[in-house]
Amino acid sequence: MRYSEVARDSESAQPLLISVEEAGQMLGGLRPWTIRALCVSGELKAGKVGNLWRIRRTSVLEYAERITTKVPAAEAS
């Protein structure tokens, strides 16, 4: 049984922690090495369980929202 199958959000029955592969799928097919780099840089809230990264599902959703939010033209200059 995977850890992500055990720890679940009581409201949505979704796993609280997900794997690198699952995070990549949620972000449109990003490769595992890209997700690991985001974990190391702190862009995704994650931790290592043994040798494996586990990422907060909410962190992936927040990251997706951040990268899809458009910057107003005045701030982009």
Protein backbone atom coordinates (compact mmCIF):
# COMPACT_ATOMS: atom_id res chain seq x y z
CA MET A 1 0.00 0.00 0.00
CA ARG A 2 1.38 3.40 -0.97
CA TYR A 3 1.60 6.19 1.59
CA SER A 4 -0.47 8.47 -0.65
CA GLU A 5 -3.31 5.97 -0.39
CA VAL A 6 -3.32 6.18 3.41
CA ALA A 7 -3.16 9.90 4.24
CA ARG A 8 -6.29 11.43 2.78
CA ASP A 9 -8.08 14.74 3.07
CA SER A 10 -11.28 13.96 4.98
CA GLU A 11 -13.36 16.38 2.88
CA SER A 12 -12.39 15.30 -0.62
CA ALA A 13 -11.03 11.77 -0.05
CA GLN A 14 -7.96 12.83 -2.07
CA PRO A 15 -4.48 11.87 -0.89
CA LEU A 16 -2.76 14.65 1.04
CA LEU A 17 0.66 13.66 -0.26
CA ILE A 18 1.35 12.58 -3.81
CA SER A 19 4.31 11.22 -5.74
CA VAL A 20 6.53 13.07 -8.19
CA GLU A 21 4.82 11.26 -11.06
CA GLU A 22 1.32 12.20 -9.85
CA ALA A 23 2.36 15.85 -9.43
CA GLY A 24 3.73 15.85 -12.96
CA GLN A 25 0.46 14.50 -14.31
CA MET A 26 -1.48 17.19 -12.42
CA LEU A 27 0.72 19.86 -13.99
CA GLY A 28 0.11 18.79 -17.56
CA GLY A 29 2.69 16.08 -17.99
CA LEU A 30 5.83 17.62 -16.48
CA ARG A 31 8.72 15.17 -16.22
CA PRO A 32 9.72 13.76 -12.79
CA TRP A 33 13.08 15.53 -12.85
CA THR A 34 11.30 18.87 -13.31
CA ILE A 35 9.04 18.17 -10.34
CA ARG A 36 12.04 17.15 -8.21
CA ALA A 37 13.78 20.41 -9.17
CA LEU A 38 10.69 22.37 -8.06
CA CYS A 39 10.77 20.49 -4.75
CA VAL A 40 14.46 21.24 -4.20
CA SER A 41 13.98 24.93 -5.05
CA GLY A 42 11.05 25.20 -2.62
CA GLU A 43 8.51 26.09 -5.31
CA LEU A 44 6.53 22.99 -4.28
CA LYS A 45 6.07 22.18 -0.60
CA ALA A 46 7.45 18.69 -0.34
CA GLY A 47 9.55 16.39 1.75
CA LYS A 48 11.38 13.14 1.39
CA VAL A 49 9.99 9.93 2.82
CA GLY A 50 12.96 7.62 2.68
CA ASN A 51 14.37 8.11 -0.79
CA LEU A 52 11.13 9.37 -2.38
CA TRP A 53 9.72 12.87 -2.64
CA ARG A 54 6.17 13.35 -1.39
CA ILE A 55 4.41 16.55 -2.38
CA ARG A 56 1.39 18.23 -0.85
CA ARG A 57 -1.53 18.07 -3.27
CA THR A 58 -2.51 21.62 -2.27
CA SER A 59 0.99 22.82 -3.09
CA VAL A 60 0.65 21.49 -6.64
CA LEU A 61 -2.72 23.23 -7.04
CA GLU A 62 -1.31 26.51 -5.66
CA TYR A 63 1.71 26.28 -7.98
CA ALA A 64 -0.55 25.68 -10.99
CA GLU A 65 -2.58 28.75 -10.06
CA ARG A 66 0.56 30.88 -9.63
CA ILE A 67 1.99 29.98 -13.01
CA THR A 68 -1.29 30.49 -14.83
CA THR A 69 -2.09 33.86 -13.23
CA LYS A 70 -1.31 36.60 -15.70
CA VAL A 71 0.90 39.51 -14.68
CA PRO A 72 -0.63 42.92 -15.51
CA ALA A 73 1.15 44.70 -18.39
CA ALA A 74 2.32 47.57 -16.11
CA GLU A 75 4.15 45.10 -13.81
CA ALA A 76 5.67 43.11 -16.69
CA SER A 77 7.74 46.08 -17.90
